[in-house]
């Protein structure tokens, strides 16, 4: 059993896959944070512009 565990611990073939999974998860998380921040900022602006345009009359 000890020999099997040592052999498993020495193998590095799955390390690259784990690195890519962690990197991809970090990028997706960062994109989510950026999207949420931009959505909040532009949502308020869109509401303000809509209210301003509703108050104007067309001549």
PDB file of N, CA and C in Angstrom:
ATOM      1  N   UNK A   1       0.826  -1.193   0.000  1.00  0.00           N
ATOM      2  CA  UNK A   1       0.000   0.000   0.000  1.00  0.00           C
ATOM      3  C   UNK A   1       0.869   1.255   0.000  1.00  0.00           C
ATOM      4  N   UNK A   2       1.946   1.217   0.761  1.00  0.00           N
ATOM      5  CA  UNK A   2       2.866   2.348   0.844  1.00  0.00           C
ATOM      6  C   UNK A   2       3.506   2.611  -0.519  1.00  0.00           C
ATOM      7  N   UNK A   3       3.871   1.542  -1.227  1.00  0.00           N
ATOM      8  CA  UNK A   3       4.498   1.678  -2.540  1.00  0.00           C
ATOM      9  C   UNK A   3       3.521   2.319  -3.533  1.00  0.00           C
ATOM     10  N   UNK A   4       2.269   1.933  -3.466  1.00  0.00           N
ATOM     11  CA  UNK A   4       1.243   2.489  -4.345  1.00  0.00           C
ATOM     12  C   UNK A   4       1.049   3.977  -4.076  1.00  0.00           C
ATOM     13  N   UNK A   5       1.016   4.366  -2.814  1.00  0.00           N
ATOM     14  CA  UNK A   5       0.836   5.776  -2.465  1.00  0.00           C
ATOM     15  C   UNK A   5       2.027   6.612  -2.917  1.00  0.00           C
ATOM     16  N   UNK A   6       3.256   6.099  -2.739  1.00  0.00           N
ATOM     17  CA  UNK A   6       4.447   6.833  -3.163  1.00  0.00           C
ATOM     18  C   UNK A   6       4.463   7.005  -4.679  1.00  0.00           C
ATOM     19  N   UNK A   7       4.069   5.964  -5.393  1.00  0.00           N
ATOM     20  CA  UNK A   7       3.999   6.042  -6.852  1.00  0.00           C
ATOM     21  C   UNK A   7       2.971   7.089  -7.289  1.00  0.00           C
ATOM     22  N   UNK A   8       1.833   7.112  -6.615  1.00  0.00           N
ATOM     23  CA  UNK A   8       0.778   8.088  -6.940  1.00  0.00           C
ATOM     24  C   UNK A   8       1.250   9.512  -6.654  1.00  0.00           C
ATOM     25  N   UNK A   9       1.942   9.710  -5.548  1.00  0.00           N
ATOM     26  CA  UNK A   9       2.402  11.038  -5.154  1.00  0.00           C
ATOM     27  C   UNK A   9       3.470  11.584  -6.093  1.00  0.00           C
ATOM     28  N   UNK A  10       4.247  10.707  -6.723  1.00  0.00           N
ATOM     29  CA  UNK A  10       5.326  11.149  -7.610  1.00  0.00           C
ATOM     30  C   UNK A  10       4.822  11.535  -8.995  1.00  0.00           C
ATOM     31  N   UNK A  11       3.685  11.007  -9.398  1.00  0.00           N
ATOM     32  CA  UNK A  11       3.160  11.313 -10.728  1.00  0.00           C
ATOM     33  C   UNK A  11       2.704  12.767 -10.794  1.00  0.00           C
ATOM     34  N   UNK A  12       3.018  13.443 -11.901  1.00  0.00           N
ATOM     35  CA  UNK A  12       2.662  14.842 -12.067  1.00  0.00           C
ATOM     36  C   UNK A  12       1.748  15.077 -13.272  1.00  0.00           C
ATOM     37  N   UNK A  13       1.178  14.046 -13.828  1.00  0.00           N
ATOM     38  CA  UNK A  13       0.369  14.203 -15.032  1.00  0.00           C
ATOM     39  C   UNK A  13      -0.912  14.979 -14.777  1.00  0.00           C
ATOM     40  N   UNK A  14      -1.498  14.881 -13.606  1.00  0.00           N
ATOM     41  CA  UNK A  14      -2.740  15.584 -13.316  1.00  0.00           C
ATOM     42  C   UNK A  14      -2.533  16.997 -12.821  1.00  0.00           C
ATOM     43  N   UNK A  15      -1.283  17.368 -12.509  1.00  0.00           N
ATOM     44  CA  UNK A  15      -1.002  18.688 -11.965  1.00  0.00           C
ATOM     45  C   UNK A  15      -1.334  19.793 -12.969  1.00  0.00           C
ATOM     46  N   UNK A  16      -1.043  19.562 -14.227  1.00  0.00           N
ATOM     47  CA  UNK A  16      -1.326  20.565 -15.247  1.00  0.00           C
ATOM     48  C   UNK A  16      -2.829  20.767 -15.376  1.00  0.00           C
ATOM     49  N   UNK A  17      -3.580  19.710 -15.309  1.00  0.00           N
ATOM     50  CA  UNK A  17      -5.039  19.807 -15.388  1.00  0.00           C
ATOM     51  C   UNK A  17      -5.590  20.601 -14.223  1.00  0.00           C
ATOM     52  N   UNK A  18      -5.088  20.350 -13.042  1.00  0.00           N
ATOM     53  CA  UNK A  18      -5.537  21.089 -11.864  1.00  0.00           C
ATOM     54  C   UNK A  18      -5.190  22.563 -12.004  1.00  0.00           C
ATOM     55  N   UNK A  19      -4.007  22.867 -12.512  1.00  0.00           N
ATOM     56  CA  UNK A  19      -3.616  24.264 -12.718  1.00  0.00           C
ATOM     57  C   UNK A  19      -4.576  24.967 -13.667  1.00  0.00           C
ATOM     58  N   UNK A  20      -4.930  24.306 -14.769  1.00  0.00           N
ATOM     59  CA  UNK A  20      -5.838  24.913 -15.733  1.00  0.00           C
ATOM     60  C   UNK A  20      -7.237  25.099 -15.158  1.00  0.00           C
ATOM     61  N   UNK A  21      -7.693  24.157 -14.372  1.00  0.00           N
ATOM     62  CA  UNK A  21      -9.014  24.271 -13.755  1.00  0.00           C
ATOM     63  C   UNK A  21      -9.042  25.441 -12.786  1.00  0.00           C
ATOM     64  N   UNK A  22      -8.015  25.576 -11.976  1.00  0.00           N
ATOM     65  CA  UNK A  22      -7.950  26.678 -11.016  1.00  0.00           C
ATOM     66  C   UNK A  22      -7.842  28.013 -11.748  1.00  0.00           C
ATOM     67  N   UNK A  23      -7.019  28.079 -12.762  1.00  0.00           N
ATOM     68  CA  UNK A  23      -6.863  29.311 -13.537  1.00  0.00           C
ATOM     69  C   UNK A  23      -8.170  29.709 -14.226  1.00  0.00           C
ATOM     70  N   UNK A  24      -8.839  28.739 -14.822  1.00  0.00           N
ATOM     71  CA  UNK A  24     -10.114  29.013 -15.490  1.00  0.00           C
ATOM     72  C   UNK A  24     -11.174  29.462 -14.489  1.00  0.00           C
ATOM     73  N   UNK A  25     -11.222  28.832 -13.337  1.00  0.00           N
ATOM     74  CA  UNK A  25     -12.189  29.239 -12.308  1.00  0.00           C
ATOM     75  C   UNK A  25     -11.911  30.659 -11.829  1.00  0.00           C
ATOM     76  N   UNK A  26     -10.648  31.024 -11.692  1.00  0.00           N
ATOM     77  CA  UNK A  26     -10.294  32.378 -11.273  1.00  0.00           C
ATOM     78  C   UNK A  26     -10.709  33.403 -12.319  1.00  0.00           C
ATOM     79  N   UNK A  27     -10.509  33.090 -13.572  1.00  0.00           N
ATOM     80  CA  UNK A  27     -10.892  34.011 -14.649  1.00  0.00           C
ATOM     81  C   UNK A  27     -12.406  34.168 -14.712  1.00  0.00           C
ATOM     82  N   UNK A  28     -13.131  33.081 -14.594  1.00  0.00           N
ATOM     83  CA  UNK A  28     -14.598  33.148 -14.606  1.00  0.00           C
ATOM     84  C   UNK A  28     -15.108  33.959 -13.416  1.00  0.00           C
ATOM     85  N   UNK A  29     -14.515  33.745 -12.256  1.00  0.00           N
ATOM     86  CA  UNK A  29     -14.905  34.513 -11.072  1.00  0.00           C
ATOM     87  C   UNK A  29     -14.628  35.990 -11.234  1.00  0.00           C
ATOM     88  N   UNK A  30     -13.474  36.328 -11.785  1.00  0.00           N
ATOM     89  CA  UNK A  30     -13.132  37.729 -12.015  1.00  0.00           C
ATOM     90  C   UNK A  30     -14.085  38.366 -13.018  1.00  0.00           C
ATOM     91  N   UNK A  31     -14.434  37.646 -14.068  1.00  0.00           N
ATOM     92  CA  UNK A  31     -15.397  38.163 -15.048  1.00  0.00           C
ATOM     93  C   UNK A  31     -16.758  38.399 -14.402  1.00  0.00           C
ATOM     94  N   UNK A  32     -17.153  37.524 -13.512  1.00  0.00           N
ATOM     95  CA  UNK A  32     -18.421  37.700 -12.808  1.00  0.00           C
ATOM     96  C   UNK A  32     -18.425  38.949 -11.949  1.00  0.00           C
ATOM     97  N   UNK A  33     -17.325  39.206 -11.260  1.00  0.00           N
ATOM     98  CA  UNK A  33     -17.224  40.408 -10.422  1.00  0.00           C
ATOM     99  C   UNK A  33     -17.255  41.662 -11.284  1.00  0.00           C
ATOM    100  N   UNK A  34     -16.526  41.657 -12.387  1.00  0.00           N
ATOM    101  CA  UNK A  34     -16.505  42.812 -13.285  1.00  0.00           C
ATOM    102  C   UNK A  34     -17.890  43.043 -13.883  1.00  0.00           C
ATOM    103  N   UNK A  35     -18.550  41.972 -14.301  1.00  0.00           N
ATOM    104  CA  UNK A  35     -19.887  42.101 -14.875  1.00  0.00           C
ATOM    105  C   UNK A  35     -20.862  42.687 -13.862  1.00  0.00           C
ATOM    106  N   UNK A  36     -20.803  42.223 -12.623  1.00  0.00           N
ATOM    107  CA  UNK A  36     -21.704  42.728 -11.589  1.00  0.00           C
ATOM    108  C   UNK A  36     -21.458  44.207 -11.332  1.00  0.00           C
ATOM    109  N   UNK A  37     -20.201  44.607 -11.288  1.00  0.00           N
ATOM    110  CA  UNK A  37     -19.877  46.019 -11.056  1.00  0.00           C
ATOM    111  C   UNK A  37     -20.357  46.889 -12.215  1.00  0.00           C
ATOM    112  N   UNK A  38     -20.129  46.445 -13.426  1.00  0.00           N
ATOM    113  CA  UNK A  38     -20.572  47.229 -14.586  1.00  0.00           C
ATOM    114  C   UNK A  38     -22.091  47.259 -14.702  1.00  0.00           C
ATOM    115  N   UNK A  39     -22.739  46.161 -14.360  1.00  0.00           N
ATOM    116  CA  UNK A  39     -24.187  46.104 -14.441  1.00  0.00           C
ATOM    117  C   UNK A  39     -24.818  47.095 -13.465  1.00  0.00           C
ATOM    118  N   UNK A  40     -24.295  47.160 -12.250  1.00  0.00           N
ATOM    119  CA  UNK A  40     -24.815  48.109 -11.267  1.00  0.00           C
ATOM    120  C   UNK A  40     -24.599  49.549 -11.723  1.00  0.00           C
ATOM    121  N   UNK A  41     -23.418  49.839 -12.250  1.00  0.00           N
ATOM    122  CA  UNK A  41     -23.096  51.204 -12.668  1.00  0.00           C
ATOM    123  C   UNK A  41     -23.943  51.638 -13.869  1.00  0.00           C
ATOM    124  N   UNK A  42     -24.102  50.779 -14.843  1.00  0.00           N
ATOM    125  CA  UNK A  42     -24.849  51.169 -16.040  1.00  0.00           C
ATOM    126  C   UNK A  42     -26.353  51.076 -15.821  1.00  0.00           C
ATOM    127  N   UNK A  43     -26.800  50.254 -14.880  1.00  0.00           N
ATOM    128  CA  UNK A  43     -28.234  50.158 -14.598  1.00  0.00           C
ATOM    129  C   UNK A  43     -28.779  51.461 -14.039  1.00  0.00           C
ATOM    130  N   UNK A  44     -28.060  52.086 -13.148  1.00  0.00           N
ATOM    131  CA  UNK A  44     -28.469  53.376 -12.595  1.00  0.00           C
ATOM    132  C   UNK A  44     -28.448  54.460 -13.646  1.00  0.00           C
ATOM    133  N   UNK A  45     -27.458  54.432 -14.512  1.00  0.00           N
ATOM    134  CA  UNK A  45     -27.361  55.417 -15.580  1.00  0.00           C
ATOM    135  C   UNK A  45     -28.516  55.259 -16.560  1.00  0.00           C
ATOM    136  N   UNK A  46     -28.840  54.030 -16.899  1.00  0.00           N
ATOM    137  CA  UNK A  46     -29.950  53.794 -17.819  1.00  0.00           C
ATOM    138  C   UNK A  46     -31.280  54.256 -17.254  1.00  0.00           C
ATOM    139  N   UNK A  47     -31.484  54.053 -15.980  1.00  0.00           N
ATOM    140  CA  UNK A  47     -32.710  54.511 -15.333  1.00  0.00           C
ATOM    141  C   UNK A  47     -32.786  56.031 -15.353  1.00  0.00           C
ATOM    142  N   UNK A  48     -31.682  56.695 -15.065  1.00  0.00           N
ATOM    143  CA  UNK A  48     -31.655  58.160 -15.075  1.00  0.00           C
ATOM    144  C   UNK A  48     -31.940  58.715 -16.467  1.00  0.00           C
ATOM    145  N   UNK A  49     -31.349  58.136 -17.475  1.00  0.00           N
ATOM    146  CA  UNK A  49     -31.575  58.590 -18.852  1.00  0.00           C
ATOM    147  C   UNK A  49     -33.027  58.347 -19.244  1.00  0.00           C
ATOM    148  N   UNK A  50     -33.582  57.203 -18.872  1.00  0.00           N
ATOM    149  CA  UNK A  50     -34.974  56.910 -19.190  1.00  0.00           C
ATOM    150  C   UNK A  50     -35.929  57.891 -18.533  1.00  0.00           C
ATOM    151  N   UNK A  51     -35.689  58.215 -17.287  1.00  0.00           N
ATOM    152  CA  UNK A  51     -36.541  59.192 -16.599  1.00  0.00           C
ATOM    153  C   UNK A  51     -36.418  60.569 -17.230  1.00  0.00           C
ATOM    154  N   UNK A  52     -35.217  60.959 -17.609  1.00  0.00           N
ATOM    155  CA  UNK A  52     -35.006  62.253 -18.243  1.00  0.00           C
ATOM    156  C   UNK A  52     -35.746  62.326 -19.579  1.00  0.00           C
ATOM    157  N   UNK A  53     -35.652  61.260 -20.358  1.00  0.00           N
ATOM    158  CA  UNK A  53     -36.314  61.272 -21.664  1.00  0.00           C
ATOM    159  C   UNK A  53     -37.828  61.218 -21.530  1.00  0.00           C
ATOM    160  N   UNK A  54     -38.353  60.578 -20.515  1.00  0.00           N
ATOM    161  CA  UNK A  54     -39.807  60.541 -20.302  1.00  0.00           C
ATOM    162  C   UNK A  54     -40.369  61.905 -19.922  1.00  0.00           C
ATOM    163  N   UNK A  55     -39.556  62.750 -19.293  1.00  0.00           N
ATOM    164  CA  UNK A  55     -40.013  64.078 -18.897  1.00  0.00           C
ATOM    165  C   UNK A  55     -40.043  65.044 -20.061  1.00  0.00           C
ATOM    166  N   UNK A  56     -39.298  64.790 -21.103  1.00  0.00           N
ATOM    167  CA  UNK A  56     -39.220  65.696 -22.250  1.00  0.00           C
ATOM    168  C   UNK A  56     -40.433  65.506 -23.164  1.00  0.00           C
ATOM    169  N   UNK A  57     -40.882  66.592 -23.725  1.00  0.00           N
ATOM    170  CA  UNK A  57     -42.002  66.536 -24.680  1.00  0.00           C
ATOM    171  C   UNK A  57     -41.466  66.704 -26.093  1.00  0.00           C
ATOM    172  N   UNK A  58     -42.128  66.078 -27.028  1.00  0.00           N
ATOM    173  CA  UNK A  58     -41.738  66.185 -28.419  1.00  0.00           C
ATOM    174  C   UNK A  58     -42.592  67.261 -29.048  1.00  0.00           C
ATOM    175  N   UNK A  59     -41.933  68.209 -29.652  1.00  0.00           N
ATOM    176  CA  UNK A  59     -42.658  69.329 -30.265  1.00  0.00           C
ATOM    177  C   UNK A  59     -42.818  69.153 -31.752  1.00  0.00           C
TER     178      UNK A  59
END
